[in-house]
Amino acid sequence: MKDQFTIADLAAEFGVTNRTVRFYEDAGLISPARAGQRRIYSQRDRTRLRLIMRGKRLGFSIQEIREILDLYDMDGGEVGQLQHFLEKIAERRDHLEQQRQDIAAILNELERIEADCSERLTRLRSKQDEKKAQLSLTLG
């Protein structure tokens, strides 16, 4: 197993750009060693980047990810991290469930408005057709 990684290694592994990896470094979420101008990422950085990417995929903010990663660095880190992560997951699930309910309500409203508009359009077209028919009989 490889112990050191370049920025290109990590970017390729996680399907992101070098700039993205540098962004997480600038945010203080990963901290590679330096060899001159080169960044040397450790297995720890790789693991943290995996957790960052998972957190982003789940919709967590950078600050929430930082909190979870900071817990990992504390004594008893894994237990505390997992408890905190479970709390964040529950909060995220609640937020997404509320969004789902909001979206369902909006979709229902749009369907009602669409049906009303379609019905009104049908009535207006029917009236136009009646007027054309009357005009044609009058001119006819």
N, C-alpha and C. Protein backbone atom coordinates (compact mmCIF):
# COMPACT_ATOMS: atom_id res chain seq x y z
N MET A 1 0.85 -1.18 0.00
CA MET A 1 0.00 0.00 0.00
C MET A 1 0.89 1.24 0.00
N LYS A 2 0.54 2.17 -0.79
CA LYS A 2 1.29 3.40 -0.94
C LYS A 2 1.08 4.32 0.28
N ASP A 3 2.16 4.94 0.76
CA ASP A 3 2.06 5.81 1.93
C ASP A 3 2.07 7.29 1.59
N GLN A 4 2.57 7.63 0.39
CA GLN A 4 2.65 9.02 -0.01
C GLN A 4 1.98 9.21 -1.36
N PHE A 5 1.35 10.36 -1.51
CA PHE A 5 0.59 10.64 -2.73
C PHE A 5 0.88 12.05 -3.19
N THR A 6 0.82 12.24 -4.50
CA THR A 6 0.92 13.59 -5.06
C THR A 6 -0.48 14.15 -5.19
N ILE A 7 -0.55 15.42 -5.46
CA ILE A 7 -1.86 16.05 -5.67
C ILE A 7 -2.57 15.41 -6.86
N ALA A 8 -1.78 15.05 -7.89
CA ALA A 8 -2.37 14.41 -9.07
C ALA A 8 -2.92 13.03 -8.73
N ASP A 9 -2.22 12.29 -7.85
CA ASP A 9 -2.71 10.97 -7.42
C ASP A 9 -4.09 11.10 -6.78
N LEU A 10 -4.20 12.03 -5.83
CA LEU A 10 -5.47 12.18 -5.11
C LEU A 10 -6.57 12.73 -6.01
N ALA A 11 -6.22 13.68 -6.85
CA ALA A 11 -7.22 14.25 -7.76
C ALA A 11 -7.78 13.15 -8.67
N ALA A 12 -6.89 12.32 -9.20
CA ALA A 12 -7.33 11.24 -10.09
C ALA A 12 -8.17 10.21 -9.33
N GLU A 13 -7.73 9.84 -8.14
CA GLU A 13 -8.45 8.84 -7.37
C GLU A 13 -9.88 9.28 -7.02
N PHE A 14 -10.03 10.56 -6.70
CA PHE A 14 -11.35 11.04 -6.26
C PHE A 14 -12.12 11.75 -7.35
N GLY A 15 -11.57 11.78 -8.56
CA GLY A 15 -12.28 12.37 -9.69
C GLY A 15 -12.52 13.86 -9.54
N VAL A 16 -11.53 14.55 -8.98
CA VAL A 16 -11.62 16.00 -8.82
C VAL A 16 -10.39 16.64 -9.46
N THR A 17 -10.38 17.95 -9.51
CA THR A 17 -9.24 18.66 -10.07
C THR A 17 -8.20 18.92 -8.99
N ASN A 18 -6.99 19.23 -9.43
CA ASN A 18 -5.94 19.62 -8.48
C ASN A 18 -6.40 20.83 -7.68
N ARG A 19 -7.11 21.72 -8.34
CA ARG A 19 -7.60 22.93 -7.68
C ARG A 19 -8.54 22.58 -6.52
N THR A 20 -9.36 21.56 -6.71
CA THR A 20 -10.27 21.13 -5.64
C THR A 20 -9.48 20.64 -4.44
N VAL A 21 -8.46 19.84 -4.69
CA VAL A 21 -7.62 19.34 -3.59
C VAL A 21 -6.97 20.52 -2.87
N ARG A 22 -6.46 21.48 -3.63
CA ARG A 22 -5.85 22.67 -3.02
C ARG A 22 -6.87 23.48 -2.22
N PHE A 23 -8.12 23.52 -2.72
CA PHE A 23 -9.18 24.23 -1.99
C PHE A 23 -9.35 23.63 -0.59
N TYR A 24 -9.40 22.31 -0.51
CA TYR A 24 -9.57 21.66 0.80
C TYR A 24 -8.34 21.87 1.67
N GLU A 25 -7.18 21.96 1.05
CA GLU A 25 -5.96 22.29 1.80
C GLU A 25 -6.06 23.72 2.33
N ASP A 26 -6.45 24.66 1.47
CA ASP A 26 -6.59 26.06 1.89
C ASP A 26 -7.62 26.22 3.01
N ALA A 27 -8.64 25.36 2.99
CA ALA A 27 -9.68 25.40 4.01
C ALA A 27 -9.22 24.75 5.32
N GLY A 28 -8.01 24.17 5.30
CA GLY A 28 -7.46 23.56 6.51
C GLY A 28 -7.98 22.16 6.79
N LEU A 29 -8.60 21.53 5.80
CA LEU A 29 -9.15 20.19 6.01
C LEU A 29 -8.12 19.09 5.79
N ILE A 30 -7.14 19.36 4.96
CA ILE A 30 -6.01 18.45 4.77
C ILE A 30 -4.74 19.28 4.84
N SER A 31 -3.66 18.63 5.24
CA SER A 31 -2.41 19.40 5.40
C SER A 31 -1.21 18.57 4.97
N PRO A 32 -0.90 18.61 3.69
CA PRO A 32 0.22 17.82 3.18
C PRO A 32 1.56 18.38 3.65
N ALA A 33 2.54 17.50 3.66
CA ALA A 33 3.92 17.93 3.91
C ALA A 33 4.42 18.56 2.62
N ARG A 34 5.54 19.25 2.72
CA ARG A 34 6.13 19.90 1.54
C ARG A 34 7.52 19.34 1.31
N ALA A 35 7.84 19.16 0.04
CA ALA A 35 9.20 18.83 -0.39
C ALA A 35 9.54 19.87 -1.44
N GLY A 36 10.08 21.00 -0.99
CA GLY A 36 10.27 22.12 -1.89
C GLY A 36 8.91 22.70 -2.23
N GLN A 37 8.60 22.75 -3.52
CA GLN A 37 7.30 23.24 -3.97
C GLN A 37 6.25 22.13 -4.05
N ARG A 38 6.69 20.89 -3.97
CA ARG A 38 5.77 19.75 -4.10
C ARG A 38 5.02 19.47 -2.81
N ARG A 39 3.77 19.14 -2.96
CA ARG A 39 2.96 18.70 -1.83
C ARG A 39 3.06 17.18 -1.75
N ILE A 40 3.26 16.69 -0.55
CA ILE A 40 3.30 15.25 -0.33
C ILE A 40 2.16 14.91 0.63
N TYR A 41 1.18 14.19 0.12
CA TYR A 41 0.01 13.83 0.91
C TYR A 41 0.21 12.47 1.54
N SER A 42 -0.23 12.35 2.79
CA SER A 42 -0.10 11.10 3.54
C SER A 42 -1.37 10.26 3.42
N GLN A 43 -1.29 9.07 3.98
CA GLN A 43 -2.48 8.21 4.04
C GLN A 43 -3.58 8.92 4.84
N ARG A 44 -3.19 9.66 5.89
CA ARG A 44 -4.15 10.42 6.68
C ARG A 44 -4.86 11.46 5.81
N ASP A 45 -4.10 12.18 4.97
CA ASP A 45 -4.71 13.17 4.07
C ASP A 45 -5.67 12.49 3.10
N ARG A 46 -5.27 11.32 2.61
CA ARG A 46 -6.11 10.58 1.67
C ARG A 46 -7.43 10.18 2.34
N THR A 47 -7.33 9.67 3.57
CA THR A 47 -8.53 9.28 4.32
C THR A 47 -9.42 10.49 4.58
N ARG A 48 -8.81 11.59 4.98
CA ARG A 48 -9.57 12.81 5.22
C ARG A 48 -10.25 13.29 3.94
N LEU A 49 -9.54 13.21 2.81
CA LEU A 49 -10.14 13.63 1.54
C LEU A 49 -11.32 12.72 1.19
N ARG A 50 -11.20 11.43 1.47
CA ARG A 50 -12.32 10.51 1.22
C ARG A 50 -13.53 10.94 2.06
N LEU A 51 -13.29 11.26 3.34
CA LEU A 51 -14.38 11.70 4.22
C LEU A 51 -14.96 13.04 3.75
N ILE A 52 -14.11 13.94 3.29
CA ILE A 52 -14.57 15.23 2.77
C ILE A 52 -15.49 15.01 1.58
N MET A 53 -15.05 14.16 0.65
CA MET A 53 -15.84 13.92 -0.56
C MET A 53 -17.18 13.26 -0.21
N ARG A 54 -17.15 12.34 0.74
CA ARG A 54 -18.40 11.70 1.18
C ARG A 54 -19.32 12.74 1.81
N GLY A 55 -18.76 13.58 2.67
CA GLY A 55 -19.56 14.63 3.30
C GLY A 55 -20.18 15.57 2.29
N LYS A 56 -19.41 15.98 1.28
CA LYS A 56 -19.93 16.87 0.24
C LYS A 56 -21.04 16.17 -0.54
N ARG A 57 -20.83 14.90 -0.86
CA ARG A 57 -21.84 14.14 -1.61
C ARG A 57 -23.15 14.05 -0.82
N LEU A 58 -23.03 14.00 0.52
CA LEU A 58 -24.22 13.92 1.37
C LEU A 58 -24.82 15.29 1.67
N GLY A 59 -24.17 16.34 1.17
CA GLY A 59 -24.72 17.68 1.31
C GLY A 59 -24.26 18.45 2.53
N PHE A 60 -23.23 17.97 3.21
CA PHE A 60 -22.71 18.68 4.37
C PHE A 60 -21.89 19.88 3.92
N SER A 61 -21.93 20.93 4.72
CA SER A 61 -21.13 22.12 4.44
C SER A 61 -19.68 21.87 4.83
N ILE A 62 -18.79 22.73 4.36
CA ILE A 62 -17.38 22.62 4.72
C ILE A 62 -17.23 22.72 6.24
N GLN A 63 -17.99 23.61 6.87
CA GLN A 63 -17.90 23.77 8.33
C GLN A 63 -18.34 22.48 9.04
N GLU A 64 -19.40 21.86 8.58
CA GLU A 64 -19.86 20.61 9.20
C GLU A 64 -18.82 19.51 9.02
N ILE A 65 -18.22 19.45 7.85
CA ILE A 65 -17.17 18.45 7.59
C ILE A 65 -15.98 18.72 8.51
N ARG A 66 -15.62 19.99 8.66
CA ARG A 66 -14.50 20.35 9.55
C ARG A 66 -14.78 19.87 10.97
N GLU A 67 -16.00 20.09 11.46
CA GLU A 67 -16.36 19.66 12.82
C GLU A 67 -16.18 18.15 12.98
N ILE A 68 -16.61 17.41 11.99
CA ILE A 68 -16.50 15.95 12.06
C ILE A 68 -15.04 15.53 12.03
N LEU A 69 -14.25 16.13 11.14
CA LEU A 69 -12.83 15.80 11.06
C LEU A 69 -12.09 16.20 12.33
N ASP A 70 -12.46 17.33 12.91
CA ASP A 70 -11.81 17.78 14.15
C ASP A 70 -12.07 16.80 15.29
N LEU A 71 -13.26 16.23 15.33
CA LEU A 71 -13.56 15.23 16.35
C LEU A 71 -12.67 14.00 16.20
N TYR A 72 -12.35 13.66 14.97
CA TYR A 72 -11.51 12.50 14.70
C TYR A 72 -10.12 12.68 15.31
N ASP A 73 -9.65 13.93 15.36
CA ASP A 73 -8.32 14.21 15.88
C ASP A 73 -8.27 14.25 17.40
N MET A 74 -9.41 14.29 18.05
CA MET A 74 -9.45 14.35 19.52
C MET A 74 -9.27 12.95 20.10
N ASP A 75 -8.93 12.89 21.40
CA ASP A 75 -8.86 11.60 22.08
C ASP A 75 -10.23 10.94 22.03
N GLY A 76 -10.24 9.62 21.86
CA GLY A 76 -11.51 8.92 21.72
C GLY A 76 -12.23 9.34 20.47
N GLY A 77 -11.45 9.74 19.48
CA GLY A 77 -11.97 10.36 18.28
C GLY A 77 -13.01 9.58 17.53
N GLU A 78 -12.80 8.30 17.36
CA GLU A 78 -13.73 7.56 16.51
C GLU A 78 -15.12 7.49 17.12
N VAL A 79 -15.22 7.24 18.42
CA VAL A 79 -16.54 7.19 19.06
C VAL A 79 -17.22 8.55 18.98
N GLY A 80 -16.49 9.60 19.35
CA GLY A 80 -17.05 10.94 19.29
C GLY A 80 -17.41 11.34 17.88
N GLN A 81 -16.54 10.97 16.94
CA GLN A 81 -16.79 11.31 15.54
C GLN A 81 -18.05 10.62 15.05
N LEU A 82 -18.17 9.35 15.36
CA LEU A 82 -19.34 8.60 14.89
C LEU A 82 -20.63 9.13 15.52
N GLN A 83 -20.59 9.46 16.81
CA GLN A 83 -21.78 10.02 17.45
C GLN A 83 -22.16 11.34 16.81
N HIS A 84 -21.17 12.19 16.61
CA HIS A 84 -21.43 13.49 15.99
C HIS A 84 -21.92 13.31 14.56
N PHE A 85 -21.30 12.38 13.84
CA PHE A 85 -21.68 12.12 12.46
C PHE A 85 -23.12 11.62 12.39
N LEU A 86 -23.50 10.76 13.31
CA LEU A 86 -24.89 10.28 13.35
C LEU A 86 -25.86 11.42 13.60
N GLU A 87 -25.49 12.35 14.48
CA GLU A 87 -26.34 13.52 14.72
C GLU A 87 -26.47 14.36 13.45
N LYS A 88 -25.35 14.56 12.75
CA LYS A 88 -25.37 15.35 11.51
C LYS A 88 -26.19 14.65 10.44
N ILE A 89 -26.08 13.32 10.38
CA ILE A 89 -26.87 12.56 9.41
C ILE A 89 -28.36 12.75 9.70
N ALA A 90 -28.74 12.67 10.97
CA ALA A 90 -30.15 12.84 11.33
C ALA A 90 -30.63 14.24 10.97
N GLU A 91 -29.80 15.26 11.25
CA GLU A 91 -30.17 16.63 10.88
C GLU A 91 -30.32 16.76 9.37
N ARG A 92 -29.38 16.17 8.63
CA ARG A 92 -29.41 16.25 7.16
C ARG A 92 -30.65 15.54 6.62
N ARG A 93 -30.95 14.37 7.18
CA ARG A 93 -32.14 13.62 6.75
C ARG A 93 -33.40 14.43 7.00
N ASP A 94 -33.50 15.05 8.18
CA ASP A 94 -34.67 15.88 8.49
C ASP A 94 -34.79 17.03 7.50
N HIS A 95 -33.67 17.67 7.20
CA HIS A 95 -33.67 18.79 6.26
C HIS A 95 -34.12 18.32 4.87
N LEU A 96 -33.60 17.19 4.42
CA LEU A 96 -33.97 16.67 3.10
C LEU A 96 -35.44 16.25 3.06
N GLU A 97 -35.91 15.67 4.17
CA GLU A 97 -37.33 15.27 4.23
C GLU A 97 -38.22 16.51 4.14
N GLN A 98 -37.83 17.59 4.82
CA GLN A 98 -38.60 18.83 4.73
C GLN A 98 -38.58 19.36 3.30
N GLN A 99 -37.41 19.29 2.66
CA GLN A 99 -37.32 19.73 1.27
C GLN A 99 -38.23 18.88 0.38
N ARG A 100 -38.25 17.57 0.63
CA ARG A 100 -39.11 16.68 -0.16
C ARG A 100 -40.57 17.08 0.00
N GLN A 101 -40.99 17.36 1.23
CA GLN A 101 -42.37 17.78 1.47
C GLN A 101 -42.67 19.11 0.79
N ASP A 102 -41.72 20.03 0.87
CA ASP A 102 -41.89 21.34 0.21
C ASP A 102 -42.01 21.17 -1.30
N ILE A 103 -41.17 20.32 -1.87
CA ILE A 103 -41.20 20.08 -3.31
C ILE A 103 -42.53 19.44 -3.71
N ALA A 104 -42.99 18.48 -2.91
CA ALA A 104 -44.28 17.82 -3.21
C ALA A 104 -45.42 18.85 -3.18
N ALA A 105 -45.39 19.75 -2.21
CA ALA A 105 -46.44 20.77 -2.13
C ALA A 105 -46.37 21.70 -3.35
N ILE A 106 -45.17 22.08 -3.74
CA ILE A 106 -45.01 22.95 -4.91
C ILE A 106 -45.48 22.25 -6.17
N LEU A 107 -45.12 20.97 -6.32
CA LEU A 107 -45.56 20.21 -7.49
C LEU A 107 -47.09 20.11 -7.54
N ASN A 108 -47.71 19.88 -6.39
CA ASN A 108 -49.18 19.82 -6.35
C ASN A 108 -49.78 21.15 -6.76
N GLU A 109 -49.21 22.24 -6.27
CA GLU A 109 -49.71 23.58 -6.64
C GLU A 109 -49.53 23.82 -8.13
N LEU A 110 -48.38 23.45 -8.67
CA LEU A 110 -48.14 23.62 -10.11
C LEU A 110 -49.12 22.80 -10.94
N GLU A 111 -49.40 21.58 -10.50
CA GLU A 111 -50.37 20.74 -11.22
C GLU A 111 -51.76 21.38 -11.20
N ARG A 112 -52.15 21.95 -10.06
CA ARG A 112 -53.45 22.61 -9.96
C ARG A 112 -53.50 23.83 -10.88
N ILE A 113 -52.44 24.63 -10.86
CA ILE A 113 -52.39 25.82 -11.72
C ILE A 113 -52.39 25.41 -13.19
N GLU A 114 -51.64 24.37 -13.52
CA GLU A 114 -51.59 23.88 -14.90
C GLU A 114 -52.97 23.42 -15.36
N ALA A 115 -53.67 22.68 -14.50
CA ALA A 115 -55.01 22.21 -14.85
C ALA A 115 -55.97 23.39 -15.04
N ASP A 116 -55.89 24.37 -14.14
CA ASP A 116 -56.74 25.57 -14.27
C ASP A 116 -56.45 26.31 -15.57
N CYS A 117 -55.18 26.49 -15.88
CA CYS A 117 -54.80 27.20 -17.12
C CYS A 117 -55.26 26.43 -18.36
N SER A 118 -55.08 25.12 -18.34
CA SER A 118 -55.50 24.30 -19.49
C SER A 118 -57.00 24.39 -19.69
N GLU A 119 -57.73 24.33 -18.58
CA GLU A 119 -59.20 24.42 -18.67
C GLU A 119 -59.62 25.79 -19.21
N ARG A 120 -58.99 26.84 -18.72
CA ARG A 120 -59.33 28.20 -19.19
C ARG A 120 -58.98 28.36 -20.66
N LEU A 121 -57.82 27.83 -21.07
CA LEU A 121 -57.41 27.90 -22.47
C LEU A 121 -58.41 27.17 -23.36
N THR A 122 -58.86 26.02 -22.92
CA THR A 122 -59.86 25.27 -23.69
C THR A 122 -61.14 26.08 -23.84
N ARG A 123 -61.60 26.71 -22.75
CA ARG A 123 -62.82 27.54 -22.82
C ARG A 123 -62.63 28.72 -23.76
N LEU A 124 -61.47 29.39 -23.67
CA LEU A 124 -61.21 30.54 -24.55
C LEU A 124 -61.17 30.12 -26.01
N ARG A 125 -60.54 29.01 -26.31
CA ARG A 125 -60.49 28.53 -27.70
C ARG A 125 -61.88 28.16 -28.19
N SER A 126 -62.65 27.57 -27.31
CA SER A 126 -64.02 27.20 -27.68
C SER A 126 -64.84 28.44 -28.02
N LYS A 127 -64.69 29.49 -27.21
CA LYS A 127 -65.40 30.75 -27.48
C LYS A 127 -64.93 31.37 -28.79
N GLN A 128 -63.62 31.30 -29.05
CA GLN A 128 -63.10 31.84 -30.32
C GLN A 128 -63.67 31.07 -31.50
N ASP A 129 -63.74 29.75 -31.37
CA ASP A 129 -64.30 28.94 -32.45
C ASP A 129 -65.78 29.28 -32.68
N GLU A 130 -66.52 29.50 -31.59
CA GLU A 130 -67.93 29.88 -31.72
C GLU A 130 -68.07 31.21 -32.44
N LYS A 131 -67.22 32.18 -32.08
CA LYS A 131 -67.27 33.49 -32.73
C LYS A 131 -66.93 33.38 -34.21
N LYS A 132 -65.95 32.56 -34.55
CA LYS A 132 -65.58 32.37 -35.96
C LYS A 132 -66.74 31.74 -36.72
N ALA A 133 -67.40 30.78 -36.08
CA ALA A 133 -68.53 30.11 -36.73
C ALA A 133 -69.68 31.09 -36.94
N GLN A 134 -69.97 31.92 -35.95
CA GLN A 134 -71.04 32.92 -36.09
C GLN A 134 -70.69 33.94 -37.16
N LEU A 135 -69.44 34.38 -37.19
CA LEU A 135 -69.00 35.35 -38.19
C LEU A 135 -69.10 34.74 -39.59
N SER A 136 -68.75 33.51 -39.71
CA SER A 136 -68.82 32.87 -41.02
C SER A 136 -70.27 32.68 -41.46
N LEU A 137 -71.19 32.41 -40.52
CA LEU A 137 -72.61 32.31 -40.87
C LEU A 137 -73.16 33.68 -41.26
N THR A 138 -72.72 34.70 -40.56
CA THR A 138 -73.19 36.05 -40.84
C THR A 138 -72.70 36.51 -42.21
N LEU A 139 -71.45 36.23 -42.52
CA LEU A 139 -70.86 36.65 -43.80
C LEU A 139 -71.23 35.70 -44.92
N GLY A 140 -71.59 34.52 -44.57
CA GLY A 140 -71.78 33.44 -45.45
C GLY A 140 -72.72 33.45 -46.50
